[in-house]
């Protein structure tokens, strides 16, 4: 398990996901592709299906990009997907967006401006863009704060014993 509670998994050719700690504990002989999180392994399964049904041309796991020569800075993405029209895009599955990732993202965008990068997060069983997730989270927070403010206002009115018409007259 990593510092962000992501369980490393191994995806076998028959489509089975094994958590890495189980493989090590029981000394299982499992051959497959290793991923840093279960969500990443599940997205790999999704890409296999997309390739099988002709929705994408191909994909590569864990492509490396050199962002800077001296000092050497590299970025290992989760997937490099080639779409049917031949365009390529980088897909990165995130559970937590770290400050290190944000710096590498800026370096990546500066060095590879034509290569699109999709940062996805798994929410309620589906992969959505992290920007959409952040927007929904901010909207929920605003709505909660608005409700709390209304409730606090009503509580103050109850304590003072004023009703809405009396408050309106006092403010004039």
N, C-alpha and C. Protein backbone atom coordinates (compact mmCIF):
# COMPACT_ATOMS: atom_id res chain seq x y z
N UNK A 1 0.84 -1.17 0.00
CA UNK A 1 0.00 0.00 0.00
C UNK A 1 0.89 1.24 0.00
N UNK A 2 0.55 2.23 -0.81
CA UNK A 2 1.35 3.44 -0.89
C UNK A 2 0.93 4.42 0.21
N UNK A 3 1.58 5.59 0.21
CA UNK A 3 1.26 6.56 1.24
C UNK A 3 -0.14 7.16 1.05
N UNK A 4 -0.76 6.97 -0.09
CA UNK A 4 -2.11 7.47 -0.33
C UNK A 4 -3.14 6.34 -0.30
N UNK A 5 -2.81 5.24 0.34
CA UNK A 5 -3.68 4.07 0.50
C UNK A 5 -4.07 3.40 -0.80
N UNK A 6 -3.29 3.59 -1.85
CA UNK A 6 -3.55 2.90 -3.11
C UNK A 6 -2.92 1.51 -3.02
N UNK A 7 -3.71 0.50 -3.33
CA UNK A 7 -3.21 -0.87 -3.29
C UNK A 7 -2.65 -1.24 -4.65
N UNK A 8 -1.40 -1.62 -4.69
CA UNK A 8 -0.76 -2.02 -5.93
C UNK A 8 -1.37 -3.35 -6.39
N UNK A 9 -1.61 -3.47 -7.69
CA UNK A 9 -2.24 -4.67 -8.23
C UNK A 9 -1.44 -5.21 -9.40
N UNK A 10 -1.67 -6.48 -9.67
CA UNK A 10 -1.09 -7.14 -10.84
C UNK A 10 -2.25 -7.67 -11.68
N UNK A 11 -2.24 -7.31 -12.94
CA UNK A 11 -3.29 -7.71 -13.87
C UNK A 11 -2.74 -8.82 -14.75
N UNK A 12 -3.36 -10.01 -14.70
CA UNK A 12 -2.89 -11.14 -15.49
C UNK A 12 -3.55 -11.14 -16.87
N UNK A 13 -3.02 -11.96 -17.76
CA UNK A 13 -3.55 -12.02 -19.12
C UNK A 13 -4.96 -12.55 -19.20
N UNK A 14 -5.39 -13.36 -18.22
CA UNK A 14 -6.75 -13.88 -18.24
C UNK A 14 -7.76 -12.89 -17.67
N UNK A 15 -7.30 -11.70 -17.26
CA UNK A 15 -8.21 -10.65 -16.80
C UNK A 15 -8.42 -10.59 -15.30
N UNK A 16 -7.56 -11.24 -14.54
CA UNK A 16 -7.70 -11.25 -13.09
C UNK A 16 -6.82 -10.17 -12.47
N UNK A 17 -7.37 -9.48 -11.48
CA UNK A 17 -6.60 -8.49 -10.73
C UNK A 17 -6.20 -9.09 -9.40
N UNK A 18 -4.91 -9.13 -9.12
CA UNK A 18 -4.39 -9.61 -7.84
C UNK A 18 -3.80 -8.44 -7.09
N UNK A 19 -4.13 -8.30 -5.82
CA UNK A 19 -3.47 -7.28 -5.03
C UNK A 19 -2.06 -7.78 -4.74
N UNK A 20 -1.09 -6.89 -4.89
CA UNK A 20 0.31 -7.28 -4.81
C UNK A 20 0.69 -7.87 -3.45
N UNK A 21 0.11 -7.37 -2.38
CA UNK A 21 0.46 -7.88 -1.05
C UNK A 21 0.04 -9.33 -0.87
N UNK A 22 -1.05 -9.74 -1.52
CA UNK A 22 -1.51 -11.13 -1.45
C UNK A 22 -0.52 -12.03 -2.20
N UNK A 23 -0.07 -11.56 -3.35
CA UNK A 23 0.89 -12.33 -4.15
C UNK A 23 2.17 -12.55 -3.36
N UNK A 24 2.65 -11.49 -2.70
CA UNK A 24 3.88 -11.60 -1.92
C UNK A 24 3.69 -12.46 -0.67
N UNK A 25 2.57 -12.27 0.01
CA UNK A 25 2.34 -13.00 1.28
C UNK A 25 2.28 -14.50 1.06
N UNK A 26 1.56 -14.90 0.02
CA UNK A 26 1.38 -16.33 -0.22
C UNK A 26 2.36 -16.88 -1.26
N UNK A 27 3.32 -16.06 -1.65
CA UNK A 27 4.37 -16.45 -2.60
C UNK A 27 3.78 -17.07 -3.87
N UNK A 28 2.78 -16.40 -4.42
CA UNK A 28 2.13 -16.88 -5.64
C UNK A 28 2.99 -16.55 -6.86
N UNK A 29 2.91 -17.41 -7.84
CA UNK A 29 3.64 -17.20 -9.08
C UNK A 29 2.66 -16.56 -10.07
N UNK A 30 2.59 -15.24 -10.03
CA UNK A 30 1.66 -14.50 -10.87
C UNK A 30 2.45 -13.66 -11.86
N UNK A 31 2.15 -13.83 -13.13
CA UNK A 31 2.81 -13.07 -14.17
C UNK A 31 1.77 -12.14 -14.80
N UNK A 32 2.12 -10.89 -14.84
CA UNK A 32 1.19 -9.92 -15.40
C UNK A 32 1.76 -8.52 -15.36
N UNK A 33 0.90 -7.54 -15.63
CA UNK A 33 1.29 -6.15 -15.62
C UNK A 33 0.99 -5.55 -14.25
N UNK A 34 1.97 -4.84 -13.69
CA UNK A 34 1.83 -4.26 -12.36
C UNK A 34 1.36 -2.82 -12.47
N UNK A 35 0.40 -2.45 -11.62
CA UNK A 35 -0.11 -1.09 -11.57
C UNK A 35 -0.05 -0.56 -10.15
N UNK A 36 0.06 0.76 -10.03
CA UNK A 36 0.20 1.39 -8.72
C UNK A 36 -1.11 1.48 -7.94
N UNK A 37 -2.24 1.28 -8.61
CA UNK A 37 -3.52 1.33 -7.90
C UNK A 37 -4.54 0.42 -8.60
N UNK A 38 -5.56 0.10 -7.85
CA UNK A 38 -6.63 -0.74 -8.39
C UNK A 38 -7.37 0.00 -9.51
N UNK A 39 -7.57 1.31 -9.33
CA UNK A 39 -8.25 2.12 -10.35
C UNK A 39 -7.49 2.09 -11.66
N UNK A 40 -6.17 2.15 -11.57
CA UNK A 40 -5.32 2.09 -12.77
C UNK A 40 -5.47 0.74 -13.46
N UNK A 41 -5.51 -0.34 -12.69
CA UNK A 41 -5.71 -1.68 -13.25
C UNK A 41 -7.07 -1.82 -13.90
N UNK A 42 -8.08 -1.20 -13.30
CA UNK A 42 -9.42 -1.26 -13.88
C UNK A 42 -9.50 -0.45 -15.17
N UNK A 43 -8.79 0.67 -15.23
CA UNK A 43 -8.77 1.44 -16.46
C UNK A 43 -8.05 0.67 -17.56
N UNK A 44 -7.04 -0.09 -17.19
CA UNK A 44 -6.34 -0.97 -18.14
C UNK A 44 -7.33 -1.96 -18.74
N UNK A 45 -8.18 -2.54 -17.90
CA UNK A 45 -9.20 -3.47 -18.40
C UNK A 45 -10.13 -2.75 -19.38
N UNK A 46 -10.48 -1.51 -19.06
CA UNK A 46 -11.35 -0.73 -19.93
C UNK A 46 -10.68 -0.47 -21.28
N UNK A 47 -9.38 -0.16 -21.26
CA UNK A 47 -8.65 0.06 -22.51
C UNK A 47 -8.57 -1.21 -23.35
N UNK A 48 -8.39 -2.35 -22.68
CA UNK A 48 -8.39 -3.62 -23.42
C UNK A 48 -9.72 -3.83 -24.15
N UNK A 49 -10.81 -3.53 -23.48
CA UNK A 49 -12.13 -3.65 -24.10
C UNK A 49 -12.29 -2.67 -25.26
N UNK A 50 -11.84 -1.44 -25.08
CA UNK A 50 -11.94 -0.44 -26.14
C UNK A 50 -11.13 -0.86 -27.37
N UNK A 51 -9.95 -1.44 -27.14
CA UNK A 51 -9.14 -1.92 -28.26
C UNK A 51 -9.82 -3.11 -28.95
N UNK A 52 -10.38 -4.00 -28.15
CA UNK A 52 -11.05 -5.20 -28.69
C UNK A 52 -12.22 -4.81 -29.59
N UNK A 53 -12.98 -3.79 -29.18
CA UNK A 53 -14.17 -3.38 -29.94
C UNK A 53 -13.89 -2.28 -30.95
N UNK A 54 -12.62 -1.95 -31.17
CA UNK A 54 -12.25 -1.00 -32.21
C UNK A 54 -12.51 0.45 -31.88
N UNK A 55 -12.62 0.79 -30.60
CA UNK A 55 -12.85 2.19 -30.21
C UNK A 55 -11.55 2.98 -30.16
N UNK A 56 -10.43 2.29 -29.95
CA UNK A 56 -9.10 2.90 -30.00
C UNK A 56 -8.21 2.00 -30.84
N UNK A 57 -7.13 2.57 -31.37
CA UNK A 57 -6.21 1.79 -32.19
C UNK A 57 -5.30 0.92 -31.31
N UNK A 58 -4.65 1.56 -30.31
CA UNK A 58 -3.73 0.84 -29.44
C UNK A 58 -3.42 1.68 -28.22
N UNK A 59 -2.69 1.10 -27.27
CA UNK A 59 -2.24 1.84 -26.09
C UNK A 59 -0.98 1.21 -25.54
N UNK A 60 -0.25 2.00 -24.77
CA UNK A 60 0.98 1.56 -24.13
C UNK A 60 0.88 1.86 -22.64
N UNK A 61 1.37 0.93 -21.84
CA UNK A 61 1.38 1.13 -20.38
C UNK A 61 2.70 1.77 -19.95
N UNK A 62 2.61 2.68 -19.02
CA UNK A 62 3.75 3.31 -18.37
C UNK A 62 4.80 3.89 -19.32
N UNK A 63 4.37 4.75 -20.28
CA UNK A 63 5.36 5.39 -21.14
C UNK A 63 6.15 6.44 -20.35
N UNK A 64 7.42 6.57 -20.66
CA UNK A 64 8.28 7.54 -19.97
C UNK A 64 8.54 8.73 -20.88
N UNK A 65 8.51 9.91 -20.28
CA UNK A 65 8.78 11.15 -20.99
C UNK A 65 9.89 11.88 -20.25
N UNK A 66 10.89 12.35 -20.99
CA UNK A 66 11.96 13.15 -20.39
C UNK A 66 11.51 14.59 -20.43
N UNK A 67 11.38 15.18 -19.24
CA UNK A 67 10.91 16.55 -19.14
C UNK A 67 12.05 17.55 -19.12
N UNK A 68 13.19 17.12 -18.59
CA UNK A 68 14.34 18.01 -18.45
C UNK A 68 15.60 17.16 -18.44
N UNK A 69 16.66 17.63 -19.12
CA UNK A 69 17.90 16.86 -19.21
C UNK A 69 18.77 17.00 -17.97
N UNK A 70 19.06 18.26 -17.56
CA UNK A 70 19.93 18.47 -16.40
C UNK A 70 19.26 19.42 -15.44
N UNK A 71 18.99 19.07 -14.24
CA UNK A 71 19.02 17.71 -13.72
C UNK A 71 17.91 16.90 -14.40
N UNK A 72 18.13 15.62 -14.56
CA UNK A 72 17.20 14.78 -15.30
C UNK A 72 15.89 14.64 -14.54
N UNK A 73 14.81 15.02 -15.21
CA UNK A 73 13.46 14.91 -14.66
C UNK A 73 12.64 14.10 -15.64
N UNK A 74 12.09 12.99 -15.19
CA UNK A 74 11.24 12.16 -16.06
C UNK A 74 9.84 12.09 -15.50
N UNK A 75 8.92 11.81 -16.38
CA UNK A 75 7.52 11.63 -15.99
C UNK A 75 7.05 10.31 -16.59
N UNK A 76 6.58 9.42 -15.74
CA UNK A 76 6.04 8.16 -16.21
C UNK A 76 4.52 8.25 -16.13
N UNK A 77 3.89 8.30 -17.27
CA UNK A 77 2.43 8.38 -17.33
C UNK A 77 1.86 6.98 -17.10
N UNK A 78 0.56 6.91 -16.93
CA UNK A 78 -0.08 5.61 -16.78
C UNK A 78 -0.28 4.94 -18.13
N UNK A 79 -0.79 5.71 -19.11
CA UNK A 79 -1.07 5.13 -20.43
C UNK A 79 -0.84 6.15 -21.53
N UNK A 80 -0.42 5.66 -22.69
CA UNK A 80 -0.35 6.45 -23.91
C UNK A 80 -1.30 5.78 -24.89
N UNK A 81 -2.38 6.46 -25.21
CA UNK A 81 -3.45 5.89 -26.03
C UNK A 81 -3.37 6.46 -27.43
N UNK A 82 -3.43 5.59 -28.43
CA UNK A 82 -3.49 6.00 -29.83
C UNK A 82 -4.92 5.82 -30.30
N UNK A 83 -5.56 6.94 -30.66
CA UNK A 83 -6.95 6.90 -31.12
C UNK A 83 -7.02 6.41 -32.57
N UNK A 84 -8.22 6.18 -33.06
CA UNK A 84 -8.42 5.64 -34.41
C UNK A 84 -7.87 6.55 -35.50
N UNK A 85 -7.90 7.88 -35.26
CA UNK A 85 -7.40 8.82 -36.26
C UNK A 85 -5.87 8.99 -36.19
N UNK A 86 -5.21 8.25 -35.28
CA UNK A 86 -3.75 8.29 -35.18
C UNK A 86 -3.23 9.28 -34.15
N UNK A 87 -4.10 10.11 -33.60
CA UNK A 87 -3.64 11.05 -32.58
C UNK A 87 -3.36 10.29 -31.28
N UNK A 88 -2.42 10.83 -30.53
CA UNK A 88 -2.07 10.21 -29.26
C UNK A 88 -2.44 11.12 -28.11
N UNK A 89 -2.78 10.49 -26.98
CA UNK A 89 -3.07 11.23 -25.76
C UNK A 89 -2.54 10.45 -24.58
N UNK A 90 -2.15 11.18 -23.58
CA UNK A 90 -1.65 10.58 -22.35
C UNK A 90 -2.81 10.52 -21.36
N UNK A 91 -2.96 9.38 -20.69
CA UNK A 91 -4.00 9.23 -19.68
C UNK A 91 -3.32 8.93 -18.35
N UNK A 92 -3.69 9.68 -17.33
CA UNK A 92 -3.15 9.47 -16.00
C UNK A 92 -4.31 9.32 -15.03
N UNK A 93 -4.30 8.24 -14.27
CA UNK A 93 -5.35 7.97 -13.29
C UNK A 93 -4.85 8.46 -11.94
N UNK A 94 -5.63 9.31 -11.30
CA UNK A 94 -5.21 9.89 -10.02
C UNK A 94 -6.25 9.61 -8.95
N UNK A 95 -5.73 9.38 -7.75
CA UNK A 95 -6.58 9.32 -6.57
C UNK A 95 -6.41 10.61 -5.82
N UNK A 96 -5.15 11.07 -5.77
CA UNK A 96 -4.78 12.32 -5.11
C UNK A 96 -3.84 13.06 -6.04
N UNK A 97 -4.11 14.33 -6.26
CA UNK A 97 -3.26 15.14 -7.12
C UNK A 97 -2.21 15.81 -6.23
N UNK A 98 -0.96 15.39 -6.35
CA UNK A 98 0.11 15.89 -5.49
C UNK A 98 0.76 17.14 -6.10
N UNK A 99 1.49 17.85 -5.28
CA UNK A 99 2.20 19.05 -5.77
C UNK A 99 3.30 18.65 -6.76
N UNK A 100 3.94 17.51 -6.53
CA UNK A 100 4.96 17.02 -7.46
C UNK A 100 4.36 16.77 -8.84
N UNK A 101 3.17 16.18 -8.85
CA UNK A 101 2.50 15.91 -10.13
C UNK A 101 2.17 17.22 -10.83
N UNK A 102 1.70 18.23 -10.10
CA UNK A 102 1.35 19.51 -10.71
C UNK A 102 2.57 20.15 -11.39
N UNK A 103 3.73 20.06 -10.73
CA UNK A 103 4.96 20.61 -11.32
C UNK A 103 5.32 19.84 -12.58
N UNK A 104 5.28 18.51 -12.51
CA UNK A 104 5.60 17.69 -13.68
C UNK A 104 4.60 17.92 -14.81
N UNK A 105 3.35 18.16 -14.47
CA UNK A 105 2.32 18.43 -15.48
C UNK A 105 2.66 19.71 -16.24
N UNK A 106 3.07 20.75 -15.52
CA UNK A 106 3.44 22.01 -16.18
C UNK A 106 4.66 21.82 -17.07
N UNK A 107 5.66 21.07 -16.60
CA UNK A 107 6.84 20.78 -17.42
C UNK A 107 6.45 19.98 -18.66
N UNK A 108 5.56 18.99 -18.47
CA UNK A 108 5.11 18.14 -19.58
C UNK A 108 4.40 18.99 -20.64
N UNK A 109 3.49 19.85 -20.18
CA UNK A 109 2.73 20.68 -21.13
C UNK A 109 3.63 21.66 -21.87
N UNK A 110 4.71 22.12 -21.21
CA UNK A 110 5.65 23.02 -21.88
C UNK A 110 6.49 22.27 -22.93
N UNK A 111 6.91 21.06 -22.60
CA UNK A 111 7.78 20.29 -23.50
C UNK A 111 6.98 19.60 -24.63
N UNK A 112 5.79 19.13 -24.32
CA UNK A 112 4.96 18.42 -25.31
C UNK A 112 3.61 19.13 -25.48
N UNK A 113 3.59 20.32 -26.08
CA UNK A 113 2.34 21.09 -26.17
C UNK A 113 1.27 20.47 -27.07
N UNK A 114 1.67 19.63 -28.01
CA UNK A 114 0.69 19.04 -28.93
C UNK A 114 0.06 17.75 -28.38
N UNK A 115 0.66 17.19 -27.34
CA UNK A 115 0.17 15.93 -26.77
C UNK A 115 -0.85 16.23 -25.68
N UNK A 116 -2.07 15.77 -25.89
CA UNK A 116 -3.14 16.00 -24.91
C UNK A 116 -2.97 15.07 -23.71
N UNK A 117 -3.26 15.59 -22.53
CA UNK A 117 -3.18 14.77 -21.32
C UNK A 117 -4.54 14.78 -20.63
N UNK A 118 -5.06 13.57 -20.37
CA UNK A 118 -6.32 13.40 -19.66
C UNK A 118 -6.02 12.90 -18.26
N UNK A 119 -6.42 13.66 -17.26
CA UNK A 119 -6.23 13.26 -15.87
C UNK A 119 -7.60 12.82 -15.37
N UNK A 120 -7.71 11.54 -15.04
CA UNK A 120 -8.99 10.96 -14.65
C UNK A 120 -8.97 10.52 -13.20
N UNK A 121 -10.16 10.48 -12.63
CA UNK A 121 -10.35 9.99 -11.27
C UNK A 121 -11.55 9.06 -11.30
N UNK A 122 -11.53 8.02 -10.49
CA UNK A 122 -12.65 7.08 -10.46
C UNK A 122 -13.65 7.55 -9.42
N UNK A 123 -14.86 7.78 -9.86
CA UNK A 123 -15.92 8.26 -8.99
C UNK A 123 -17.19 7.48 -9.30
N UNK A 124 -17.73 6.83 -8.29
CA UNK A 124 -18.97 6.04 -8.43
C UNK A 124 -18.91 5.05 -9.59
N UNK A 125 -17.77 4.38 -9.71
CA UNK A 125 -17.64 3.31 -10.69
C UNK A 125 -17.30 3.74 -12.10
N UNK A 126 -17.12 5.04 -12.33
CA UNK A 126 -16.75 5.48 -13.67
C UNK A 126 -15.59 6.47 -13.60
N UNK A 127 -14.86 6.57 -14.70
CA UNK A 127 -13.71 7.46 -14.76
C UNK A 127 -14.16 8.80 -15.33
N UNK A 128 -13.93 9.86 -14.56
CA UNK A 128 -14.31 11.21 -14.99
C UNK A 128 -13.07 12.10 -14.93
N UNK A 129 -13.07 13.19 -15.74
CA UNK A 129 -11.94 14.13 -15.68
C UNK A 129 -11.84 14.77 -14.29
N UNK A 130 -10.63 14.97 -13.83
CA UNK A 130 -10.43 15.50 -12.49
C UNK A 130 -10.97 16.93 -12.39
N UNK A 131 -10.96 17.69 -13.48
CA UNK A 131 -11.53 19.05 -13.46
C UNK A 131 -13.02 19.00 -13.16
N UNK A 132 -13.72 18.04 -13.75
CA UNK A 132 -15.16 17.88 -13.50
C UNK A 132 -15.38 17.50 -12.04
N UNK A 133 -14.55 16.60 -11.52
CA UNK A 133 -14.65 16.18 -10.12
C UNK A 133 -14.45 17.36 -9.18
N UNK A 134 -13.43 18.19 -9.46
CA UNK A 134 -13.17 19.35 -8.61
C UNK A 134 -14.31 20.35 -8.66
N UNK A 135 -14.90 20.54 -9.85
CA UNK A 135 -16.02 21.47 -10.00
C UNK A 135 -17.22 20.98 -9.21
N UNK A 136 -17.53 19.68 -9.33
CA UNK A 136 -18.66 19.12 -8.58
C UNK A 136 -18.43 19.23 -7.08
N UNK A 137 -17.20 19.01 -6.64
CA UNK A 137 -16.87 19.10 -5.22
C UNK A 137 -17.04 20.53 -4.72
N UNK A 138 -16.58 21.50 -5.50
CA UNK A 138 -16.72 22.91 -5.12
C UNK A 138 -18.20 23.32 -5.08
N UNK A 139 -18.98 22.84 -6.05
CA UNK A 139 -20.42 23.15 -6.07
C UNK A 139 -21.11 22.58 -4.84
N UNK A 140 -20.76 21.35 -4.46
CA UNK A 140 -21.35 20.75 -3.25
C UNK A 140 -20.98 21.54 -2.01
N UNK A 141 -19.72 21.97 -1.94
CA UNK A 141 -19.25 22.73 -0.79
C UNK A 141 -19.98 24.06 -0.69
N UNK A 142 -20.18 24.74 -1.85
CA UNK A 142 -20.92 26.00 -1.85
C UNK A 142 -22.35 25.80 -1.39
N UNK A 143 -22.97 24.73 -1.85
CA UNK A 143 -24.36 24.46 -1.47
C UNK A 143 -24.46 24.18 0.03
N UNK A 144 -23.54 23.42 0.56
CA UNK A 144 -23.54 23.11 2.00
C UNK A 144 -23.33 24.39 2.81
N UNK A 145 -22.37 25.22 2.39
CA UNK A 145 -22.11 26.47 3.10
C UNK A 145 -23.32 27.39 3.06
N UNK A 146 -24.04 27.42 1.94
CA UNK A 146 -25.24 28.25 1.82
C UNK A 146 -26.31 27.76 2.79
N UNK A 147 -26.50 26.45 2.85
CA UNK A 147 -27.47 25.88 3.78
C UNK A 147 -27.09 26.17 5.23
N UNK A 148 -25.80 26.04 5.54
CA UNK A 148 -25.33 26.32 6.90
C UNK A 148 -25.56 27.78 7.27
N UNK A 149 -25.32 28.67 6.33
CA UNK A 149 -25.52 30.10 6.56
C UNK A 149 -27.00 30.40 6.82
N UNK A 150 -27.88 29.77 6.02
CA UNK A 150 -29.32 29.95 6.22
C UNK A 150 -29.75 29.43 7.58
N UNK A 151 -29.24 28.25 7.93
CA UNK A 151 -29.60 27.65 9.22
C UNK A 151 -29.09 28.51 10.37
N UNK A 152 -27.90 29.05 10.24
CA UNK A 152 -27.34 29.92 11.28
C UNK A 152 -28.16 31.19 11.42
N UNK A 153 -28.60 31.76 10.31
CA UNK A 153 -29.45 32.95 10.34
C UNK A 153 -30.77 32.68 11.03
N UNK A 154 -31.39 31.56 10.72
CA UNK A 154 -32.67 31.20 11.35
C UNK A 154 -32.48 30.95 12.84
N UNK A 155 -31.36 30.38 13.22
CA UNK A 155 -31.10 30.11 14.63
C UNK A 155 -30.94 31.42 15.41
N UNK A 156 -30.29 32.40 14.80
CA UNK A 156 -30.14 33.71 15.44
C UNK A 156 -31.50 34.37 15.62
N UNK A 157 -32.36 34.25 14.61
CA UNK A 157 -33.68 34.86 14.68
C UNK A 157 -34.52 34.22 15.78
N UNK A 158 -34.39 32.93 15.96
CA UNK A 158 -35.14 32.23 17.00
C UNK A 158 -34.67 32.70 18.38
N UNK A 159 -33.37 32.90 18.54
CA UNK A 159 -32.82 33.34 19.83
C UNK A 159 -33.29 34.74 20.18
N UNK A 160 -33.37 35.63 19.20
CA UNK A 160 -33.78 37.01 19.49
C UNK A 160 -35.29 37.13 19.58
N UNK A 161 -36.00 36.16 19.13
CA UNK A 161 -37.46 36.17 19.19
C UNK A 161 -38.11 37.00 18.10
N UNK A 162 -37.38 37.37 17.08
CA UNK A 162 -37.93 38.17 15.98
C UNK A 162 -38.39 37.26 14.85
N UNK A 163 -39.43 37.69 14.17
CA UNK A 163 -39.83 36.96 12.97
C UNK A 163 -39.33 37.72 11.75
N UNK A 164 -39.58 37.23 10.58
CA UNK A 164 -39.02 37.81 9.35
C UNK A 164 -39.50 39.25 9.13
N UNK A 165 -40.77 39.58 9.44
CA UNK A 165 -41.28 40.94 9.21
C UNK A 165 -40.63 41.93 10.16
N UNK A 166 -40.36 41.53 11.39
CA UNK A 166 -39.71 42.42 12.35
C UNK A 166 -38.27 42.68 11.94
N UNK A 167 -37.58 41.69 11.43
CA UNK A 167 -36.20 41.84 10.99
C UNK A 167 -36.13 42.81 9.83
N UNK A 168 -37.11 42.70 8.91
CA UNK A 168 -37.15 43.55 7.75
C UNK A 168 -37.32 45.02 8.19
N UNK A 169 -38.19 45.29 9.18
CA UNK A 169 -38.43 46.65 9.65
C UNK A 169 -37.21 47.22 10.37
N UNK A 170 -36.48 46.39 11.10
CA UNK A 170 -35.32 46.87 11.83
C UNK A 170 -34.22 47.27 10.88
N UNK A 171 -34.06 46.56 9.78
CA UNK A 171 -32.99 46.85 8.84
C UNK A 171 -33.22 48.16 8.09
N UNK A 172 -34.47 48.58 7.92
CA UNK A 172 -34.77 49.84 7.21
C UNK A 172 -34.28 50.97 8.01
